Amino acid sequence: MIAEIASGELDAGLLWGPVGGYYAQRADVPLRVVPLVKETAGPNTVYGITMGVRPDEPQWKHRINKVLAENQHDINVILQGYNVPLLNQEGELIASGTADR
């Protein structure tokens, strides 16, 4: 789809943010990624990524949460490097990774 947009065959495309951001950043022509964070029609495409631990291992949960919290800035920098749109808990765009290229 990115190739068709870049060539002019398509005027726009609808992709999942991380995929669209990644390929738009690497396209041969400037492309703009516009996250649809306020869109209410259709299926919800904004969601958090989660992981789980076994209920009988709460120490793992606390350790993982601590490591994630301590490294959140670095995680965001890596995701922004791949042009992944990032949202806060309220669903508002917080990353500059969606800028024009």
PDB file of N, CA and C in Angstrom:
ATOM      1  N   MET A   1       0.824  -1.186   0.000  1.00  0.00           N
ATOM      2  CA  MET A   1       0.000   0.000   0.000  1.00  0.00           C
ATOM      3  C   MET A   1       0.875   1.259   0.000  1.00  0.00           C
ATOM      4  N   ILE A   2       1.947   1.247   0.764  1.00  0.00           N
ATOM      5  CA  ILE A   2       2.837   2.413   0.807  1.00  0.00           C
ATOM      6  C   ILE A   2       3.396   2.697  -0.582  1.00  0.00           C
ATOM      7  N   ALA A   3       3.773   1.652  -1.318  1.00  0.00           N
ATOM      8  CA  ALA A   3       4.302   1.845  -2.669  1.00  0.00           C
ATOM      9  C   ALA A   3       3.260   2.487  -3.578  1.00  0.00           C
ATOM     10  N   GLU A   4       1.993   2.071  -3.449  1.00  0.00           N
ATOM     11  CA  GLU A   4       0.933   2.652  -4.272  1.00  0.00           C
ATOM     12  C   GLU A   4       0.683   4.114  -3.907  1.00  0.00           C
ATOM     13  N   ILE A   5       0.769   4.436  -2.634  1.00  0.00           N
ATOM     14  CA  ILE A   5       0.609   5.834  -2.215  1.00  0.00           C
ATOM     15  C   ILE A   5       1.792   6.652  -2.720  1.00  0.00           C
ATOM     16  N   ALA A   6       2.990   6.128  -2.547  1.00  0.00           N
ATOM     17  CA  ALA A   6       4.192   6.844  -2.982  1.00  0.00           C
ATOM     18  C   ALA A   6       4.198   7.071  -4.490  1.00  0.00           C
ATOM     19  N   SER A   7       3.657   6.118  -5.261  1.00  0.00           N
ATOM     20  CA  SER A   7       3.645   6.253  -6.721  1.00  0.00           C
ATOM     21  C   SER A   7       2.503   7.128  -7.223  1.00  0.00           C
ATOM     22  N   GLY A   8       1.530   7.437  -6.350  1.00  0.00           N
ATOM     23  CA  GLY A   8       0.382   8.225  -6.766  1.00  0.00           C
ATOM     24  C   GLY A   8      -0.795   7.377  -7.206  1.00  0.00           C
ATOM     25  N   GLU A   9      -0.626   6.055  -7.224  1.00  0.00           N
ATOM     26  CA  GLU A   9      -1.729   5.163  -7.592  1.00  0.00           C
ATOM     27  C   GLU A   9      -2.875   5.272  -6.588  1.00  0.00           C
ATOM     28  N   LEU A  10      -2.546   5.451  -5.317  1.00  0.00           N
ATOM     29  CA  LEU A  10      -3.526   5.694  -4.261  1.00  0.00           C
ATOM     30  C   LEU A  10      -3.273   7.072  -3.667  1.00  0.00           C
ATOM     31  N   ASP A  11      -4.358   7.741  -3.270  1.00  0.00           N
ATOM     32  CA  ASP A  11      -4.221   9.042  -2.622  1.00  0.00           C
ATOM     33  C   ASP A  11      -3.959   8.914  -1.130  1.00  0.00           C
ATOM     34  N   ALA A  12      -4.454   7.840  -0.522  1.00  0.00           N
ATOM     35  CA  ALA A  12      -4.307   7.635   0.919  1.00  0.00           C
ATOM     36  C   ALA A  12      -4.493   6.159   1.221  1.00  0.00           C
ATOM     37  N   GLY A  13      -4.103   5.776   2.413  1.00  0.00           N
ATOM     38  CA  GLY A  13      -4.282   4.398   2.844  1.00  0.00           C
ATOM     39  C   GLY A  13      -4.564   4.353   4.327  1.00  0.00           C
ATOM     40  N   LEU A  14      -5.167   3.281   4.767  1.00  0.00           N
ATOM     41  CA  LEU A  14      -5.477   3.098   6.181  1.00  0.00           C
ATOM     42  C   LEU A  14      -4.698   1.888   6.678  1.00  0.00           C
ATOM     43  N   LEU A  15      -3.730   2.153   7.528  1.00  0.00           N
ATOM     44  CA  LEU A  15      -2.872   1.103   8.071  1.00  0.00           C
ATOM     45  C   LEU A  15      -2.809   1.224   9.580  1.00  0.00           C
ATOM     46  N   TRP A  16      -2.476   0.145  10.249  1.00  0.00           N
ATOM     47  CA  TRP A  16      -2.225   0.180  11.683  1.00  0.00           C
ATOM     48  C   TRP A  16      -1.024   1.086  11.917  1.00  0.00           C
ATOM     49  N   GLY A  17      -1.113   1.960  12.896  1.00  0.00           N
ATOM     50  CA  GLY A  17      -0.111   2.989  13.149  1.00  0.00           C
ATOM     51  C   GLY A  17       1.333   2.536  13.111  1.00  0.00           C
ATOM     52  N   PRO A  18       1.728   1.497  13.864  1.00  0.00           N
ATOM     53  CA  PRO A  18       3.127   1.077  13.830  1.00  0.00           C
ATOM     54  C   PRO A  18       3.600   0.635  12.446  1.00  0.00           C
ATOM     55  N   VAL A  19       2.750  -0.053  11.696  1.00  0.00           N
ATOM     56  CA  VAL A  19       3.126  -0.498  10.354  1.00  0.00           C
ATOM     57  C   VAL A  19       3.199   0.696   9.405  1.00  0.00           C
ATOM     58  N   GLY A  20       2.161   1.535   9.426  1.00  0.00           N
ATOM     59  CA  GLY A  20       2.148   2.710   8.557  1.00  0.00           C
ATOM     60  C   GLY A  20       3.304   3.647   8.845  1.00  0.00           C
ATOM     61  N   GLY A  21       3.566   3.905  10.122  1.00  0.00           N
ATOM     62  CA  GLY A  21       4.665   4.787  10.495  1.00  0.00           C
ATOM     63  C   GLY A  21       6.006   4.258  10.050  1.00  0.00           C
ATOM     64  N   TYR A  22       6.229   2.970  10.251  1.00  0.00           N
ATOM     65  CA  TYR A  22       7.501   2.347   9.882  1.00  0.00           C
ATOM     66  C   TYR A  22       7.758   2.478   8.383  1.00  0.00           C
ATOM     67  N   TYR A  23       6.785   2.082   7.565  1.00  0.00           N
ATOM     68  CA  TYR A  23       6.993   2.101   6.119  1.00  0.00           C
ATOM     69  C   TYR A  23       6.938   3.507   5.534  1.00  0.00           C
ATOM     70  N   ALA A  24       6.128   4.386   6.098  1.00  0.00           N
ATOM     71  CA  ALA A  24       6.085   5.770   5.605  1.00  0.00           C
ATOM     72  C   ALA A  24       7.429   6.445   5.822  1.00  0.00           C
ATOM     73  N   GLN A  25       8.071   6.153   6.934  1.00  0.00           N
ATOM     74  CA  GLN A  25       9.377   6.742   7.241  1.00  0.00           C
ATOM     75  C   GLN A  25      10.440   6.278   6.242  1.00  0.00           C
ATOM     76  N   ARG A  26      10.266   5.109   5.677  1.00  0.00           N
ATOM     77  CA  ARG A  26      11.258   4.540   4.773  1.00  0.00           C
ATOM     78  C   ARG A  26      10.891   4.698   3.293  1.00  0.00           C
ATOM     79  N   ALA A  27       9.798   5.364   3.002  1.00  0.00           N
ATOM     80  CA  ALA A  27       9.359   5.552   1.614  1.00  0.00           C
ATOM     81  C   ALA A  27      10.314   6.487   0.878  1.00  0.00           C
ATOM     82  N   ASP A  28      10.344   6.348  -0.440  1.00  0.00           N
ATOM     83  CA  ASP A  28      11.220   7.176  -1.270  1.00  0.00           C
ATOM     84  C   ASP A  28      10.721   8.602  -1.425  1.00  0.00           C
ATOM     85  N   VAL A  29       9.453   8.839  -1.120  1.00  0.00           N
ATOM     86  CA  VAL A  29       8.877  10.184  -1.227  1.00  0.00           C
ATOM     87  C   VAL A  29       8.322  10.576   0.141  1.00  0.00           C
ATOM     88  N   PRO A  30       8.199  11.883   0.414  1.00  0.00           N
ATOM     89  CA  PRO A  30       7.648  12.303   1.712  1.00  0.00           C
ATOM     90  C   PRO A  30       6.192  11.854   1.871  1.00  0.00           C
ATOM     91  N   LEU A  31       5.901  11.211   2.979  1.00  0.00           N
ATOM     92  CA  LEU A  31       4.545  10.782   3.308  1.00  0.00           C
ATOM     93  C   LEU A  31       4.205  11.280   4.699  1.00  0.00           C
ATOM     94  N   ARG A  32       2.935  11.484   4.957  1.00  0.00           N
ATOM     95  CA  ARG A  32       2.481  11.952   6.266  1.00  0.00           C
ATOM     96  C   ARG A  32       1.602  10.887   6.906  1.00  0.00           C
ATOM     97  N   VAL A  33       1.899  10.569   8.147  1.00  0.00           N
ATOM     98  CA  VAL A  33       1.092   9.637   8.928  1.00  0.00           C
ATOM     99  C   VAL A  33       0.181  10.465   9.824  1.00  0.00           C
ATOM    100  N   VAL A  34      -1.119  10.210   9.749  1.00  0.00           N
ATOM    101  CA  VAL A  34      -2.099  10.939  10.556  1.00  0.00           C
ATOM    102  C   VAL A  34      -2.842   9.926  11.426  1.00  0.00           C
ATOM    103  N   PRO A  35      -2.480   9.826  12.699  1.00  0.00           N
ATOM    104  CA  PRO A  35      -3.185   8.885  13.574  1.00  0.00           C
ATOM    105  C   PRO A  35      -4.650   9.279  13.749  1.00  0.00           C
ATOM    106  N   LEU A  36      -5.543   8.318  13.616  1.00  0.00           N
ATOM    107  CA  LEU A  36      -6.979   8.565  13.759  1.00  0.00           C
ATOM    108  C   LEU A  36      -7.393   8.285  15.201  1.00  0.00           C
ATOM    109  N   VAL A  37      -6.892   9.087  16.117  1.00  0.00           N
ATOM    110  CA  VAL A  37      -7.113   8.827  17.542  1.00  0.00           C
ATOM    111  C   VAL A  37      -8.515   9.197  18.006  1.00  0.00           C
ATOM    112  N   LYS A  38      -9.227  10.030  17.279  1.00  0.00           N
ATOM    113  CA  LYS A  38     -10.575  10.446  17.690  1.00  0.00           C
ATOM    114  C   LYS A  38     -11.668   9.771  16.876  1.00  0.00           C
ATOM    115  N   GLU A  39     -11.302   8.873  15.973  1.00  0.00           N
ATOM    116  CA  GLU A  39     -12.271   8.197  15.115  1.00  0.00           C
ATOM    117  C   GLU A  39     -13.131   7.254  15.952  1.00  0.00           C
ATOM    118  N   THR A  40     -14.453   7.344  15.793  1.00  0.00           N
ATOM    119  CA  THR A  40     -15.353   6.488  16.564  1.00  0.00           C
ATOM    120  C   THR A  40     -16.068   5.453  15.698  1.00  0.00           C
ATOM    121  N   ALA A  41     -16.057   5.637  14.384  1.00  0.00           N
ATOM    122  CA  ALA A  41     -16.707   4.678  13.490  1.00  0.00           C
ATOM    123  C   ALA A  41     -15.779   3.488  13.256  1.00  0.00           C
ATOM    124  N   GLY A  42     -16.356   2.330  13.115  1.00  0.00           N
ATOM    125  CA  GLY A  42     -15.566   1.143  12.825  1.00  0.00           C
ATOM    126  C   GLY A  42     -14.906   0.565  14.064  1.00  0.00           C
ATOM    127  N   PRO A  43     -14.081  -0.442  13.857  1.00  0.00           N
ATOM    128  CA  PRO A  43     -13.436  -1.091  15.005  1.00  0.00           C
ATOM    129  C   PRO A  43     -12.396  -0.186  15.654  1.00  0.00           C
ATOM    130  N   ASN A  44     -12.198  -0.387  16.940  1.00  0.00           N
ATOM    131  CA  ASN A  44     -11.197   0.381  17.671  1.00  0.00           C
ATOM    132  C   ASN A  44      -9.810  -0.088  17.258  1.00  0.00           C
ATOM    133  N   THR A  45      -8.972   0.834  16.836  1.00  0.00           N
ATOM    134  CA  THR A  45      -7.605   0.488  16.444  1.00  0.00           C
ATOM    135  C   THR A  45      -6.580   1.069  17.401  1.00  0.00           C
ATOM    136  N   VAL A  46      -7.035   1.672  18.475  1.00  0.00           N
ATOM    137  CA  VAL A  46      -6.133   2.224  19.486  1.00  0.00           C
ATOM    138  C   VAL A  46      -6.223   1.337  20.717  1.00  0.00           C
ATOM    139  N   TYR A  47      -5.130   0.739  21.075  1.00  0.00           N
ATOM    140  CA  TYR A  47      -5.127  -0.117  22.252  1.00  0.00           C
ATOM    141  C   TYR A  47      -3.713  -0.231  22.801  1.00  0.00           C
ATOM    142  N   GLY A  48      -3.632  -0.519  24.066  1.00  0.00           N
ATOM    143  CA  GLY A  48      -2.343  -0.711  24.705  1.00  0.00           C
ATOM    144  C   GLY A  48      -1.825  -2.119  24.475  1.00  0.00           C
ATOM    145  N   ILE A  49      -0.541  -2.249  24.492  1.00  0.00           N
ATOM    146  CA  ILE A  49       0.092  -3.557  24.398  1.00  0.00           C
ATOM    147  C   ILE A  49       0.310  -4.053  25.825  1.00  0.00           C
ATOM    148  N   THR A  50      -0.062  -5.277  26.087  1.00  0.00           N
ATOM    149  CA  THR A  50       0.042  -5.813  27.443  1.00  0.00           C
ATOM    150  C   THR A  50       0.786  -7.143  27.442  1.00  0.00           C
ATOM    151  N   MET A  51       1.140  -7.557  28.623  1.00  0.00           N
ATOM    152  CA  MET A  51       1.680  -8.898  28.820  1.00  0.00           C
ATOM    153  C   MET A  51       1.133  -9.412  30.130  1.00  0.00           C
ATOM    154  N   GLY A  52       1.144 -10.691  30.304  1.00  0.00           N
ATOM    155  CA  GLY A  52       0.586 -11.270  31.515  1.00  0.00           C
ATOM    156  C   GLY A  52       1.581 -12.163  32.232  1.00  0.00           C
ATOM    157  N   VAL A  53       1.321 -12.364  33.494  1.00  0.00           N
ATOM    158  CA  VAL A  53       2.102 -13.303  34.298  1.00  0.00           C
ATOM    159  C   VAL A  53       1.121 -14.236  35.007  1.00  0.00           C
ATOM    160  N   ARG A  54       1.610 -15.363  35.435  1.00  0.00           N
ATOM    161  CA  ARG A  54       0.762 -16.308  36.150  1.00  0.00           C
ATOM    162  C   ARG A  54       0.286 -15.687  37.463  1.00  0.00           C
ATOM    163  N   PRO A  55      -0.967 -15.948  37.854  1.00  0.00           N
ATOM    164  CA  PRO A  55      -1.508 -15.358  39.086  1.00  0.00           C
ATOM    165  C   PRO A  55      -0.696 -15.689  40.336  1.00  0.00           C
ATOM    166  N   ASP A  56      -0.029 -16.830  40.344  1.00  0.00           N
ATOM    167  CA  ASP A  56       0.726 -17.217  41.535  1.00  0.00           C
ATOM    168  C   ASP A  56       2.167 -16.695  41.540  1.00  0.00           C
ATOM    169  N   GLU A  57       2.478 -15.758  40.628  1.00  0.00           N
ATOM    170  CA  GLU A  57       3.819 -15.173  40.573  1.00  0.00           C
ATOM    171  C   GLU A  57       3.757 -13.645  40.570  1.00  0.00           C
ATOM    172  N   PRO A  58       3.204 -13.044  41.617  1.00  0.00           N
ATOM    173  CA  PRO A  58       3.076 -11.584  41.648  1.00  0.00           C
ATOM    174  C   PRO A  58       4.422 -10.859  41.645  1.00  0.00           C
ATOM    175  N   GLN A  59       5.485 -11.528  42.106  1.00  0.00           N
ATOM    176  CA  GLN A  59       6.797 -10.881  42.105  1.00  0.00           C
ATOM    177  C   GLN A  59       7.255 -10.579  40.681  1.00  0.00           C
ATOM    178  N   TRP A  60       6.895 -11.448  39.722  1.00  0.00           N
ATOM    179  CA  TRP A  60       7.226 -11.189  38.324  1.00  0.00           C
ATOM    180  C   TRP A  60       6.496  -9.949  37.819  1.00  0.00           C
ATOM    181  N   LYS A  61       5.242  -9.841  38.175  1.00  0.00           N
ATOM    182  CA  LYS A  61       4.450  -8.675  37.768  1.00  0.00           C
ATOM    183  C   LYS A  61       5.108  -7.397  38.269  1.00  0.00           C
ATOM    184  N   HIS A  62       5.476  -7.362  39.524  1.00  0.00           N
ATOM    185  CA  HIS A  62       6.096  -6.159  40.096  1.00  0.00           C
ATOM    186  C   HIS A  62       7.456  -5.880  39.459  1.00  0.00           C
ATOM    187  N   ARG A  63       8.221  -6.936  39.218  1.00  0.00           N
ATOM    188  CA  ARG A  63       9.539  -6.747  38.604  1.00  0.00           C
ATOM    189  C   ARG A  63       9.411  -6.215  37.178  1.00  0.00           C
ATOM    190  N   ILE A  64       8.521  -6.808  36.393  1.00  0.00           N
ATOM    191  CA  ILE A  64       8.310  -6.359  35.009  1.00  0.00           C
ATOM    192  C   ILE A  64       7.817  -4.917  34.986  1.00  0.00           C
ATOM    193  N   ASN A  65       6.832  -4.591  35.829  1.00  0.00           N
ATOM    194  CA  ASN A  65       6.323  -3.217  35.875  1.00  0.00           C
ATOM    195  C   ASN A  65       7.414  -2.231  36.256  1.00  0.00           C
ATOM    196  N   LYS A  66       8.279  -2.617  37.189  1.00  0.00           N
ATOM    197  CA  LYS A  66       9.378  -1.743  37.614  1.00  0.00           C
ATOM    198  C   LYS A  66      10.360  -1.513  36.467  1.00  0.00           C
ATOM    199  N   VAL A  67      10.740  -2.583  35.784  1.00  0.00           N
ATOM    200  CA  VAL A  67      11.675  -2.466  34.663  1.00  0.00           C
ATOM    201  C   VAL A  67      11.074  -1.612  33.549  1.00  0.00           C
ATOM    202  N   LEU A  68       9.801  -1.825  33.234  1.00  0.00           N
ATOM    203  CA  LEU A  68       9.150  -1.019  32.194  1.00  0.00           C
ATOM    204  C   LEU A  68       9.103   0.452  32.585  1.00  0.00           C
ATOM    205  N   ALA A  69       8.735   0.733  33.833  1.00  0.00           N
ATOM    206  CA  ALA A  69       8.665   2.127  34.294  1.00  0.00           C
ATOM    207  C   ALA A  69      10.040   2.781  34.253  1.00  0.00           C
ATOM    208  N   GLU A  70      11.057   2.065  34.683  1.00  0.00           N
ATOM    209  CA  GLU A  70      12.414   2.621  34.700  1.00  0.00           C
ATOM    210  C   GLU A  70      12.958   2.871  33.298  1.00  0.00           C
ATOM    211  N   ASN A  71      12.468   2.130  32.329  1.00  0.00           N
ATOM    212  CA  ASN A  71      12.990   2.222  30.967  1.00  0.00           C
ATOM    213  C   ASN A  71      12.007   2.833  29.978  1.00  0.00           C
ATOM    214  N   GLN A  72      10.905   3.415  30.467  1.00  0.00           N
ATOM    215  CA  GLN A  72       9.867   3.926  29.577  1.00  0.00           C
ATOM    216  C   GLN A  72      10.403   4.948  28.581  1.00  0.00           C
ATOM    217  N   HIS A  73      11.258   5.843  29.033  1.00  0.00           N
ATOM    218  CA  HIS A  73      11.816   6.851  28.118  1.00  0.00           C
ATOM    219  C   HIS A  73      12.584   6.176  26.980  1.00  0.00           C
ATOM    220  N   ASP A  74      13.442   5.228  27.316  1.00  0.00           N
ATOM    221  CA  ASP A  74      14.221   4.536  26.289  1.00  0.00           C
ATOM    222  C   ASP A  74      13.323   3.733  25.350  1.00  0.00           C
ATOM    223  N   ILE A  75      12.288   3.124  25.889  1.00  0.00           N
ATOM    224  CA  ILE A  75      11.330   2.386  25.062  1.00  0.00           C
ATOM    225  C   ILE A  75      10.652   3.340  24.078  1.00  0.00           C
ATOM    226  N   ASN A  76      10.225   4.502  24.567  1.00  0.00           N
ATOM    227  CA  ASN A  76       9.589   5.490  23.692  1.00  0.00           C
ATOM    228  C   ASN A  76      10.541   5.974  22.609  1.00  0.00           C
ATOM    229  N   VAL A  77      11.805   6.192  22.959  1.00  0.00           N
ATOM    230  CA  VAL A  77      12.796   6.636  21.969  1.00  0.00           C
ATOM    231  C   VAL A  77      12.949   5.589  20.865  1.00  0.00           C
ATOM    232  N   ILE A  78      13.006   4.322  21.245  1.00  0.00           N
ATOM    233  CA  ILE A  78      13.115   3.248  20.246  1.00  0.00           C
ATOM    234  C   ILE A  78      11.883   3.233  19.346  1.00  0.00           C
ATOM    235  N   LEU A  79      10.695   3.304  19.941  1.00  0.00           N
ATOM    236  CA  LEU A  79       9.463   3.299  19.144  1.00  0.00           C
ATOM    237  C   LEU A  79       9.388   4.516  18.231  1.00  0.00           C
ATOM    238  N   GLN A  80       9.790   5.684  18.725  1.00  0.00           N
ATOM    239  CA  GLN A  80       9.798   6.886  17.897  1.00  0.00           C
ATOM    240  C   GLN A  80      10.792   6.744  16.751  1.00  0.00           C
ATOM    241  N   GLY A  81      11.886   6.035  16.988  1.00  0.00           N
ATOM    242  CA  GLY A  81      12.858   5.790  15.928  1.00  0.00           C
ATOM    243  C   GLY A  81      12.270   5.001  14.771  1.00  0.00           C
ATOM    244  N   TYR A  82      11.238   4.234  15.060  1.00  0.00           N
ATOM    245  CA  TYR A  82      10.523   3.481  14.031  1.00  0.00           C
ATOM    246  C   TYR A  82       9.248   4.196  13.596  1.00  0.00           C
ATOM    247  N   ASN A  83       9.076   5.445  14.024  1.00  0.00           N
ATOM    248  CA  ASN A  83       7.943   6.286  13.637  1.00  0.00           C
ATOM    249  C   ASN A  83       6.603   5.715  14.114  1.00  0.00           C
ATOM    250  N   VAL A  84       6.605   5.056  15.268  1.00  0.00           N
ATOM    251  CA  VAL A  84       5.377   4.495  15.834  1.00  0.00           C
ATOM    252  C   VAL A  84       4.624   5.600  16.567  1.00  0.00           C
ATOM    253  N   PRO A  85       3.368   5.879  16.202  1.00  0.00           N
ATOM    254  CA  PRO A  85       2.594   6.882  16.940  1.00  0.00           C
ATOM    255  C   PRO A  85       2.359   6.396  18.375  1.00  0.00           C
ATOM    256  N   LEU A  86       2.655   7.237  19.352  1.00  0.00           N
ATOM    257  CA  LEU A  86       2.475   6.881  20.760  1.00  0.00           C
ATOM    258  C   LEU A  86       1.385   7.738  21.370  1.00  0.00           C
ATOM    259  N   LEU A  87       0.562   7.121  22.208  1.00  0.00           N
ATOM    260  CA  LEU A  87      -0.544   7.812  22.862  1.00  0.00           C
ATOM    261  C   LEU A  87      -0.388   7.711  24.371  1.00  0.00           C
ATOM    262  N   ASN A  88      -0.925   8.721  25.077  1.00  0.00           N
ATOM    263  CA  ASN A  88      -0.947   8.649  26.537  1.00  0.00           C
ATOM    264  C   ASN A  88      -2.179   7.854  26.984  1.00  0.00           C
ATOM    265  N   GLN A  89      -2.396   7.776  28.291  1.00  0.00           N
ATOM    266  CA  GLN A  89      -3.518   6.999  28.830  1.00  0.00           C
ATOM    267  C   GLN A  89      -4.879   7.538  28.395  1.00  0.00           C
ATOM    268  N   GLU A  90      -4.938   8.820  28.033  1.00  0.00           N
ATOM    269  CA  GLU A  90      -6.196   9.432  27.587  1.00  0.00           C
ATOM    270  C   GLU A  90      -6.401   9.296  26.081  1.00  0.00           C
ATOM    271  N   GLY A  91      -5.470   8.632  25.391  1.00  0.00           N
ATOM    272  CA  GLY A  91      -5.594   8.451  23.955  1.00  0.00           C
ATOM    273  C   GLY A  91      -5.142   9.639  23.140  1.00  0.00           C
ATOM    274  N   GLU A  92      -4.371  10.541  23.745  1.00  0.00           N
ATOM    275  CA  GLU A  92      -3.860  11.716  23.037  1.00  0.00           C
ATOM    276  C   GLU A  92      -2.457  11.426  22.522  1.00  0.00           C
ATOM    277  N   LEU A  93      -2.157  11.930  21.325  1.00  0.00           N
ATOM    278  CA  LEU A  93      -0.851  11.721  20.712  1.00  0.00           C
ATOM    279  C   LEU A  93       0.229  12.389  21.553  1.00  0.00           C
ATOM    280  N   ILE A  94       1.276  11.650  21.896  1.00  0.00           N
ATOM    281  CA  ILE A  94       2.366  12.218  22.689  1.00  0.00           C
ATOM    282  C   ILE A  94       3.701  12.166  21.971  1.00  0.00           C
ATOM    283  N   ALA A  95       3.769  11.469  20.845  1.00  0.00           N
ATOM    284  CA  ALA A  95       5.050  11.275  20.179  1.00  0.00           C
ATOM    285  C   ALA A  95       5.182  12.158  18.962  1.00  0.00           C
ATOM    286  N   SER A  96       6.400  12.591  18.720  1.00  0.00           N
ATOM    287  CA  SER A  96       6.670  13.375  17.525  1.00  0.00           C
ATOM    288  C   SER A  96       6.992  12.481  16.340  1.00  0.00           C
ATOM    289  N   GLY A  97       6.869  11.173  16.500  1.00  0.00           N
ATOM    290  CA  GLY A  97       7.198  10.232  15.444  1.00  0.00           C
ATOM    291  C   GLY A  97       6.244  10.269  14.272  1.00  0.00           C
ATOM    292  N   THR A  98       5.212  11.095  14.331  1.00  0.00           N
ATOM    293  CA  THR A  98       4.231  11.142  13.247  1.00  0.00           C
ATOM    294  C   THR A  98       4.421  12.369  12.363  1.00  0.00           C
ATOM    295  N   ALA A  99       5.533  13.021  12.494  1.00  0.00           N
ATOM    296  CA  ALA A  99       5.780  14.234  11.706  1.00  0.00           C
ATOM    297  C   ALA A  99       5.978  13.892  10.232  1.00  0.00           C
ATOM    298  N   ASP A 100       5.883  14.911   9.402  1.00  0.00           N
ATOM    299  CA  ASP A 100       6.138  14.734   7.972  1.00  0.00           C
ATOM    300  C   ASP A 100       7.564  14.250   7.764  1.00  0.00           C
ATOM    301  N   ARG A 101       7.751  13.507   6.713  1.00  0.00           N
ATOM    302  CA  ARG A 101       9.092  13.114   6.322  1.00  0.00           C
ATOM    303  C   ARG A 101       9.280  13.467   4.868  1.00  0.00           C
TER     304      ARG A 101
END
